[in-house]
């Protein structure tokens, strides 16, 4: 991503400061990205298309059309932004462990960013209960408003993959596992096609749109709108018509 494209992307997410390759800047970029660019599967579910993973196509979709996208789009274009700003970045292929009915497959893309004090896990395309800020890749806990996460660099039962868990109801549940071996774009092309076409994948089964807010988050899953407020309370509404869905997509997600 060249300087002009980086400038346009920063304007898209509302970043107004001089960017620096440090943790403060990275945290702010992630925060603004997650509050400006929704996770959304409308191209897959409603338009019945496989999203392009070409950088120029994702850039046009997110910056010019002001759309969102799935993890392969969101984390790729964020990776390209960080690379264009001078960050040390590596694409990672992630094995998903959170859903109990999943087969623990590699179905996700994220980014490793190496800062002065070491490597961090960064993810702006999870669309679920993942961390919203950079997570230091070392044994220990990472706590943020969205939850508490535990990183184990050398667990006993993940075939050498780093394990990240999320605390829920007082216990840690496996969230994802991964290695730090650089993934290749061609790997994500195959995964993107599978996730966008398989009837077994939730992306092809129902509307799934989500975005962070300064005080919580908003999600539209199927016909249910869920608003998480600052105090942790949740308000739910059921969509009663296509017109209501259209209004919600525009009002809450800018789509």
Protein backbone atom coordinates (compact mmCIF):
# COMPACT_ATOMS: atom_id res chain seq x y z
CA UNK A 1 0.00 0.00 0.00
CA UNK A 2 1.58 3.28 -1.09
CA UNK A 3 1.56 6.57 0.84
CA UNK A 4 -1.58 7.94 -0.84
CA UNK A 5 -3.47 4.71 -0.25
CA UNK A 6 -2.37 4.65 3.39
CA UNK A 7 -3.59 8.24 3.77
CA UNK A 8 -6.99 7.36 2.26
CA UNK A 9 -7.29 4.30 4.49
CA UNK A 10 -6.42 6.29 7.63
CA UNK A 11 -9.10 8.82 6.67
CA UNK A 12 -11.59 5.96 6.21
CA UNK A 13 -11.09 4.82 9.81
CA UNK A 14 -10.76 8.32 11.25
CA UNK A 15 -7.09 8.25 12.26
CA UNK A 16 -5.93 11.88 12.37
CA UNK A 17 -2.51 11.74 14.05
CA UNK A 18 0.94 11.18 12.65
CA UNK A 19 1.41 7.39 12.50
CA UNK A 20 4.37 5.78 14.27
CA UNK A 21 5.51 2.17 14.41
CA UNK A 22 4.89 1.77 18.13
CA UNK A 23 2.34 0.04 20.37
CA UNK A 24 0.27 3.18 21.06
CA UNK A 25 -0.26 3.76 17.36
CA UNK A 26 -1.02 0.08 16.72
CA UNK A 27 -3.62 0.03 19.50
CA UNK A 28 -5.28 3.16 18.14
CA UNK A 29 -5.33 1.82 14.59
CA UNK A 30 -6.96 -1.42 15.74
CA UNK A 31 -9.50 0.43 17.86
CA UNK A 32 -10.53 2.75 15.02
CA UNK A 33 -10.59 -0.06 12.47
CA UNK A 34 -12.91 -2.15 14.62
CA UNK A 35 -15.23 0.82 15.19
CA UNK A 36 -15.28 1.92 11.53
CA UNK A 37 -15.12 -1.18 9.35
CA UNK A 38 -17.68 -3.91 10.12
CA UNK A 39 -17.20 -7.61 9.88
CA UNK A 40 -19.84 -8.61 7.32
CA UNK A 41 -20.68 -11.55 5.09
CA UNK A 42 -23.21 -9.82 2.82
CA UNK A 43 -21.19 -10.50 -0.32
CA UNK A 44 -21.08 -14.19 0.56
CA UNK A 45 -24.59 -14.70 1.94
CA UNK A 46 -26.75 -12.23 0.04
CA UNK A 47 -24.79 -11.69 -3.17
CA UNK A 48 -23.63 -15.35 -3.42
CA UNK A 49 -20.13 -14.36 -4.44
CA UNK A 50 -16.64 -15.33 -3.32
CA UNK A 51 -14.93 -12.11 -2.18
CA UNK A 52 -11.79 -11.16 -4.05
CA UNK A 53 -8.61 -11.18 -1.98
CA UNK A 54 -6.68 -8.95 -4.37
CA UNK A 55 -5.39 -5.98 -2.40
CA UNK A 56 -6.75 -3.44 -4.87
CA UNK A 57 -10.22 -5.03 -4.77
CA UNK A 58 -10.36 -5.10 -0.97
CA UNK A 59 -9.12 -1.51 -0.84
CA UNK A 60 -11.85 -0.40 -3.23
CA UNK A 61 -14.53 -2.28 -1.29
CA UNK A 62 -13.54 -0.98 2.15
CA UNK A 63 -12.19 2.50 1.40
CA UNK A 64 -14.14 3.64 -1.65
CA UNK A 65 -17.39 1.72 -1.18
CA UNK A 66 -17.19 1.96 2.64
CA UNK A 67 -18.09 -1.70 3.04
CA UNK A 68 -16.74 -4.26 5.49
CA UNK A 69 -15.69 -7.83 4.90
CA UNK A 70 -14.71 -11.19 6.32
CA UNK A 71 -11.47 -12.06 8.11
CA UNK A 72 -9.51 -12.84 4.95
CA UNK A 73 -10.34 -9.38 3.60
CA UNK A 74 -10.16 -7.33 6.81
CA UNK A 75 -6.92 -8.75 8.15
CA UNK A 76 -5.26 -8.72 4.74
CA UNK A 77 -5.98 -5.05 4.08
CA UNK A 78 -5.02 -4.13 7.67
CA UNK A 79 -1.78 -6.07 7.17
CA UNK A 80 -1.13 -4.08 3.99
CA UNK A 81 -1.82 -0.82 5.85
CA UNK A 82 0.60 -1.69 8.66
CA UNK A 83 3.22 -2.77 6.13
CA UNK A 84 2.77 0.49 4.23
CA UNK A 85 3.24 2.45 7.48
CA UNK A 86 6.50 0.64 8.20
CA UNK A 87 5.45 -1.98 10.75
CA UNK A 88 7.17 -5.40 10.82
CA UNK A 89 4.26 -7.71 9.96
CA UNK A 90 3.68 -11.39 9.21
CA UNK A 91 0.40 -13.04 8.12
CA UNK A 92 -0.73 -15.94 10.32
CA UNK A 93 -3.09 -18.84 9.64
CA UNK A 94 -5.28 -19.51 12.67
CA UNK A 95 -6.97 -22.70 13.87
CA UNK A 96 -10.39 -21.90 15.37
CA UNK A 97 -11.24 -23.66 18.65
CA UNK A 98 -14.07 -21.62 20.21
CA UNK A 99 -17.16 -23.16 18.63
CA UNK A 100 -18.02 -26.57 20.12
CA UNK A 101 -19.40 -27.86 16.80
CA UNK A 102 -16.32 -26.88 14.80
CA UNK A 103 -13.80 -29.41 13.56
CA UNK A 104 -10.89 -27.29 14.80
CA UNK A 105 -9.82 -26.38 11.31
CA UNK A 106 -7.56 -23.56 10.13
CA UNK A 107 -10.21 -21.09 8.97
CA UNK A 108 -8.94 -17.66 9.94
CA UNK A 109 -6.30 -15.05 9.13
CA UNK A 110 -4.56 -12.73 11.59
CA UNK A 111 -1.30 -10.75 11.80
CA UNK A 112 1.83 -10.87 13.91
CA UNK A 113 3.36 -7.44 14.48
CA UNK A 114 6.88 -7.24 15.89
CA UNK A 115 7.48 -4.16 18.04
CA UNK A 116 10.55 -3.13 20.02
CA UNK A 117 9.56 -5.32 22.95
CA UNK A 118 8.65 -8.38 20.89
CA UNK A 119 5.86 -9.94 18.80
CA UNK A 120 2.13 -9.24 19.18
CA UNK A 121 -0.98 -10.99 17.87
CA UNK A 122 -3.31 -8.54 16.06
CA UNK A 123 -6.76 -9.35 14.71
CA UNK A 124 -9.34 -6.96 13.21
CA UNK A 125 -11.43 -9.63 11.47
CA UNK A 126 -12.57 -12.15 14.06
CA UNK A 127 -16.22 -11.14 14.18
CA UNK A 128 -16.55 -12.85 17.55
CA UNK A 129 -15.13 -12.94 21.09
CA UNK A 130 -11.50 -12.31 20.16
CA UNK A 131 -9.12 -9.67 21.56
CA UNK A 132 -9.60 -6.14 20.27
CA UNK A 133 -6.08 -4.94 21.04
CA UNK A 134 -2.58 -6.31 20.40
CA UNK A 135 -1.77 -9.37 22.52
CA UNK A 136 1.86 -9.92 23.54
CA UNK A 137 3.02 -13.32 22.37
CA UNK A 138 4.44 -14.59 25.63
CA UNK A 139 3.11 -16.80 28.42
CA UNK A 140 0.61 -14.87 30.51
CA UNK A 141 -2.70 -13.03 30.66
CA UNK A 142 -4.01 -10.24 28.47
CA UNK A 143 -6.93 -8.29 29.94
CA UNK A 144 -9.06 -5.71 28.19
CA UNK A 145 -12.62 -4.46 28.46
CA UNK A 146 -13.80 -7.20 26.12
CA UNK A 147 -12.44 -9.98 28.31
CA UNK A 148 -9.41 -11.79 29.66
CA UNK A 149 -7.23 -13.96 27.43
CA UNK A 150 -4.47 -16.42 28.32
CA UNK A 151 -1.53 -17.18 26.04
CA UNK A 152 0.46 -20.41 26.36
CA UNK A 153 3.44 -20.48 24.04
CA UNK A 154 4.27 -24.20 24.44
CA UNK A 155 1.10 -26.07 25.46
CA UNK A 156 1.15 -29.84 25.77
CA UNK A 157 -1.67 -30.83 23.43
CA UNK A 158 -1.71 -28.54 20.38
CA UNK A 159 0.98 -30.20 18.23
CA UNK A 160 3.37 -27.32 18.80
CA UNK A 161 0.84 -24.53 18.16
CA UNK A 162 0.57 -21.51 20.46
CA UNK A 163 -2.69 -21.60 22.40
CA UNK A 164 -4.90 -18.60 23.16
CA UNK A 165 -7.82 -19.06 25.55
CA UNK A 166 -10.63 -16.76 26.66
CA UNK A 167 -12.05 -16.62 30.16
CA UNK A 168 -15.76 -17.40 30.34
CA UNK A 169 -17.78 -18.04 33.49
CA UNK A 170 -14.61 -18.27 35.55
CA UNK A 171 -12.90 -20.84 33.32
CA UNK A 172 -10.54 -20.58 30.35
CA UNK A 173 -11.85 -22.00 27.10
CA UNK A 174 -9.68 -22.60 24.00
CA UNK A 175 -10.17 -19.79 21.49
CA UNK A 176 -7.55 -20.42 18.82
CA UNK A 177 -4.13 -21.92 18.15
CA UNK A 178 -1.45 -21.07 15.61
CA UNK A 179 2.23 -21.12 14.73
CA UNK A 180 4.38 -18.13 13.87
CA UNK A 181 5.32 -19.61 10.51
CA UNK A 182 4.41 -17.03 7.82
CA UNK A 183 1.27 -17.96 5.91
CA UNK A 184 1.01 -17.42 2.16
CA UNK A 185 -1.71 -15.59 0.21
CA UNK A 186 -2.42 -18.72 -1.82
CA UNK A 187 -3.33 -20.54 1.41
CA UNK A 188 -6.00 -17.96 2.18
CA UNK A 189 -7.38 -18.12 -1.36
CA UNK A 190 -8.28 -21.77 -0.78
CA UNK A 191 -9.73 -21.09 2.68
CA UNK A 192 -11.68 -18.08 1.43
CA UNK A 193 -13.27 -20.12 -1.34
CA UNK A 194 -14.24 -22.89 1.07
CA UNK A 195 -15.68 -20.53 3.68
CA UNK A 196 -17.64 -18.64 1.01
CA UNK A 197 -19.16 -21.67 -0.72
CA UNK A 198 -19.47 -24.59 1.69
CA UNK A 199 -23.02 -25.17 3.00
CA UNK A 200 -21.41 -26.29 6.26
CA UNK A 201 -19.92 -22.87 6.95
CA UNK A 202 -21.94 -20.36 8.95
CA UNK A 203 -20.92 -17.55 6.57
CA UNK A 204 -23.12 -19.11 3.88
CA UNK A 205 -26.10 -19.79 6.16
CA UNK A 206 -27.26 -16.42 7.53
CA UNK A 207 -26.52 -12.72 7.75
CA UNK A 208 -23.59 -11.98 10.05
CA UNK A 209 -22.58 -8.36 10.62
CA UNK A 210 -20.81 -6.89 13.64
CA UNK A 211 -18.97 -3.77 14.67
CA UNK A 212 -17.45 -2.36 17.84
CA UNK A 213 -18.62 0.90 19.37
CA UNK A 214 -16.85 3.15 21.90
CA UNK A 215 -19.04 1.61 24.61
CA UNK A 216 -19.67 -1.94 23.40
CA UNK A 217 -20.68 -3.61 20.16
CA UNK A 218 -23.56 -4.23 17.77
CA UNK A 219 -24.25 -7.42 15.82
CA UNK A 220 -26.90 -8.60 13.38
CA UNK A 221 -26.98 -12.39 13.26
CA UNK A 222 -29.75 -13.83 11.16
CA UNK A 223 -32.81 -11.79 12.12
CA UNK A 224 -31.54 -10.81 15.59
CA UNK A 225 -29.94 -7.47 16.37
CA UNK A 226 -27.83 -7.51 19.53
CA UNK A 227 -26.56 -4.33 21.18
CA UNK A 228 -23.99 -4.74 23.93
CA UNK A 229 -23.89 -1.67 26.19
CA UNK A 230 -21.09 -0.19 28.30
CA UNK A 231 -22.33 -1.85 31.50
CA UNK A 232 -22.30 -5.26 29.84
CA UNK A 233 -26.07 -5.48 29.45
CA UNK A 234 -27.46 -6.72 26.15
CA UNK A 235 -30.47 -5.46 24.22
CA UNK A 236 -31.94 -7.73 21.55
CA UNK A 237 -34.41 -7.00 18.76
CA UNK A 238 -35.98 -9.21 16.11
CA UNK A 239 -36.10 -7.99 12.51
CA UNK A 240 -39.68 -7.86 11.21
CA UNK A 241 -39.12 -6.95 7.55
CA UNK A 242 -36.51 -6.44 4.81
CA UNK A 243 -37.00 -2.70 5.23
CA UNK A 244 -36.08 -2.93 8.92
CA UNK A 245 -32.97 -4.94 8.09
CA UNK A 246 -31.95 -2.34 5.49
CA UNK A 247 -32.42 0.44 8.05
CA UNK A 248 -30.40 -1.41 10.69
CA UNK A 249 -27.54 -2.12 8.27
CA UNK A 250 -27.32 1.58 7.46
CA UNK A 251 -27.88 2.92 10.97
CA UNK A 252 -25.63 0.61 12.95
CA UNK A 253 -23.06 -0.57 10.42
CA UNK A 254 -22.93 2.13 7.73
CA UNK A 255 -23.81 -0.38 5.00
